[in-house]
Amino acid sequence: MQRATNDLPGSWLAETRGLRRSMRIVQWLSFACIFLLTPATAHMQINSQTMSNPSPRPTGTLLPAVNRLPDANDQMEMRDQKAKQQNFVAANAERKKQIADDSAKLLKLANDLKAEIDKTSKDTLSLNVIRKADEIERLAHSVKEKMKLTVGGS
C-alpha cells in the first residue's frame, strides 16, 4: 500500500515549519505596523482635538517671557552687546589689516636680505645683513603674536 507524499511524516514536518515561519513573519509585520502607526494616530487625535477645541487665553494673564517686549534695561543691554560686537568686528578687521601689512613688509625684507646675501661673499656678512635679519625676526615674531590674538566676544 502506497502512501501519498503529503502523508509522509517528513513532508508534514517541513510543511509545518514553513507555516510557522510564515506565521512569525506575519506576526512581526503586524507588530511593526501597530508599533509604528500608534504614535501617528495618537498625534493626529491630539491635533484634531486642539484644532476643534482651541482654549481661549485668559485676558488677565501675563504673556510668557519669550513673547514679551524688551523693557528699557533689556534694550540697553542689547544696544551694549551690539556695540561690543561692532567693536570686536572693527578690531579684528584692523588686526587682519596689520597682519597683511606686516606680512608684505616681511616678504620685502626677506627678499632684500636674500639679495644682499647673494652680493656678499660666502665668508663675510655685513652689519647691514645682520640688522635686517634681526628686523625680520622681530617682525615675524610680531606677526605670529598677532595671529594668535583673536579679538572677539562670546
Protein backbone atom coordinates (compact mmCIF):
# COMPACT_ATOMS: atom_id res chain seq x y z
CA MET A 1 0.00 0.00 0.00
CA GLN A 2 1.46 3.31 -1.01
CA ARG A 3 1.02 6.50 0.89
CA ALA A 4 0.58 9.89 -0.70
CA THR A 5 3.56 12.20 -0.38
CA ASN A 6 1.57 14.57 1.84
CA ASP A 7 1.01 11.78 4.34
CA LEU A 8 4.71 11.24 4.95
CA PRO A 9 5.90 12.47 8.34
CA GLY A 10 8.94 14.29 6.88
CA SER A 11 6.97 16.38 4.40
CA TRP A 12 4.35 17.15 7.06
CA LEU A 13 7.13 18.40 9.35
CA ALA A 14 8.63 20.58 6.61
CA GLU A 15 5.21 21.96 5.78
CA THR A 16 4.61 22.78 9.46
CA ARG A 17 7.97 24.55 9.75
CA GLY A 18 7.23 26.66 6.69
CA LEU A 19 3.82 27.54 8.09
CA ARG A 20 5.37 28.52 11.44
CA ARG A 21 7.98 30.66 9.71
CA SER A 22 5.34 32.50 7.68
CA MET A 23 3.24 32.98 10.84
CA ARG A 24 6.23 34.54 12.59
CA ILE A 25 6.76 36.91 9.68
CA VAL A 26 3.08 37.91 9.73
CA GLN A 27 3.21 38.45 13.49
CA TRP A 28 6.37 40.54 13.23
CA LEU A 29 4.91 42.69 10.43
CA SER A 30 1.67 43.25 12.33
CA PHE A 31 3.62 44.20 15.46
CA ALA A 32 5.77 46.63 13.45
CA CYS A 33 2.69 48.22 11.87
CA ILE A 34 1.00 48.64 15.24
CA PHE A 35 4.17 49.97 16.82
CA LEU A 36 4.76 52.49 14.05
CA LEU A 37 1.17 53.63 13.49
CA THR A 38 0.08 54.05 17.12
CA PRO A 39 2.10 57.25 17.79
CA ALA A 40 0.96 58.75 14.48
CA THR A 41 -2.72 58.15 15.21
CA ALA A 42 -2.35 59.45 18.75
CA HIS A 43 -0.66 62.59 17.42
CA MET A 44 -3.43 63.09 14.87
CA GLN A 45 -6.07 62.72 17.60
CA ILE A 46 -4.33 65.30 19.79
CA ASN A 47 -4.04 67.71 16.87
CA SER A 48 -7.68 67.25 15.91
CA GLN A 49 -8.76 67.90 19.50
CA THR A 50 -6.70 71.09 19.77
CA MET A 51 -7.85 72.32 16.36
CA SER A 52 -11.53 71.70 17.05
CA ASN A 53 -11.45 72.97 20.63
CA PRO A 54 -8.88 75.74 21.00
CA SER A 55 -8.73 77.04 24.52
CA PRO A 56 -9.02 80.81 24.72
CA ARG A 57 -6.24 82.62 26.53
CA PRO A 58 -7.37 84.37 29.67
CA THR A 59 -7.12 88.15 29.35
CA GLY A 60 -5.78 88.75 32.84
CA THR A 61 -2.57 86.71 32.49
CA LEU A 62 0.86 87.97 31.52
CA LEU A 63 2.48 86.96 28.28
CA PRO A 64 5.26 84.38 28.54
CA ALA A 65 8.76 85.78 28.88
CA VAL A 66 9.56 84.72 25.34
CA ASN A 67 6.77 86.79 23.83
CA ARG A 68 7.10 89.91 25.94
CA LEU A 69 8.60 93.10 24.59
CA PRO A 70 12.00 94.07 26.00
CA ASP A 71 11.95 96.70 28.70
CA ALA A 72 14.37 99.63 28.91
CA ASN A 73 17.08 97.59 30.69
CA ASP A 74 16.89 94.81 28.11
CA GLN A 75 17.05 97.33 25.29
CA MET A 76 20.12 98.94 26.86
CA GLU A 77 21.82 95.54 27.23
CA MET A 78 21.03 94.67 23.60
CA ARG A 79 22.49 98.01 22.44
CA ASP A 80 25.62 97.40 24.54
CA GLN A 81 26.02 93.88 23.12
CA LYS A 82 25.56 95.18 19.59
CA ALA A 83 28.14 97.94 20.18
CA LYS A 84 30.62 95.42 21.65
CA GLN A 85 30.11 93.12 18.66
CA GLN A 86 30.73 96.00 16.26
CA ASN A 87 33.88 96.93 18.19
CA PHE A 88 35.07 93.31 18.02
CA VAL A 89 34.46 93.21 14.29
CA ALA A 90 36.32 96.50 13.78
CA ALA A 91 39.23 95.36 15.98
CA ASN A 92 39.50 92.05 14.11
CA ALA A 93 39.43 93.85 10.76
CA GLU A 94 42.20 96.18 11.94
CA ARG A 95 44.26 93.24 13.25
CA LYS A 96 43.89 91.41 9.93
CA LYS A 97 44.94 94.55 8.06
CA GLN A 98 48.03 94.91 10.28
CA ILE A 99 48.94 91.26 9.75
CA ALA A 100 48.61 91.66 5.97
CA ASP A 101 50.75 94.83 6.00
CA ASP A 102 53.38 93.27 8.26
CA SER A 103 53.45 90.13 6.11
CA ALA A 104 54.03 92.20 2.97
CA LYS A 105 56.80 94.10 4.76
CA LEU A 106 58.27 90.79 5.96
CA LEU A 107 58.30 89.45 2.41
CA LYS A 108 60.02 92.61 1.13
CA LEU A 109 62.65 92.46 3.90
CA ALA A 110 63.29 88.77 3.24
CA ASN A 111 63.78 89.42 -0.49
CA ASP A 112 66.12 92.37 0.29
CA LEU A 113 68.10 90.21 2.72
CA LYS A 114 68.44 87.45 0.13
CA ALA A 115 69.66 89.96 -2.45
CA GLU A 116 72.26 91.39 -0.03
CA ILE A 117 73.45 87.93 1.00
CA ASP A 118 73.84 86.99 -2.67
CA LYS A 119 76.01 90.10 -3.18
CA THR A 120 78.41 89.31 -0.35
CA SER A 121 80.97 86.56 -0.31
CA LYS A 122 80.25 83.35 1.50
CA ASP A 123 82.73 84.06 4.31
CA THR A 124 81.67 87.60 5.24
CA LEU A 125 78.44 89.11 6.47
CA SER A 126 77.95 92.84 6.68
CA LEU A 127 76.46 94.60 9.68
CA ASN A 128 73.55 95.65 7.48
CA VAL A 129 72.69 91.99 6.75
CA ILE A 130 72.69 91.15 10.47
CA ARG A 131 70.44 94.15 11.25
CA LYS A 132 67.98 93.12 8.53
CA ALA A 133 67.93 89.57 9.87
CA ASP A 134 67.15 90.90 13.37
CA GLU A 135 64.40 93.13 11.99
CA ILE A 136 62.91 90.19 10.09
CA GLU A 137 63.00 88.09 13.25
CA ARG A 138 61.22 90.78 15.31
CA LEU A 139 58.61 91.35 12.61
CA ALA A 140 57.98 87.62 12.20
CA HIS A 141 57.52 87.27 15.95
CA SER A 142 55.10 90.21 15.93
CA VAL A 143 53.06 88.69 13.10
CA LYS A 144 52.97 85.36 14.92
CA GLU A 145 51.67 87.00 18.11
CA LYS A 146 49.04 88.97 16.19
CA MET A 147 47.86 85.77 14.57
CA LYS A 148 47.49 84.14 18.00
CA LEU A 149 45.48 87.08 19.28
CA THR A 150 41.81 86.90 18.49
CA VAL A 151 39.61 89.79 19.45
CA GLY A 152 36.09 88.56 19.90
CA GLY A 153 33.23 88.10 22.25
CA SER A 154 31.08 85.18 23.10
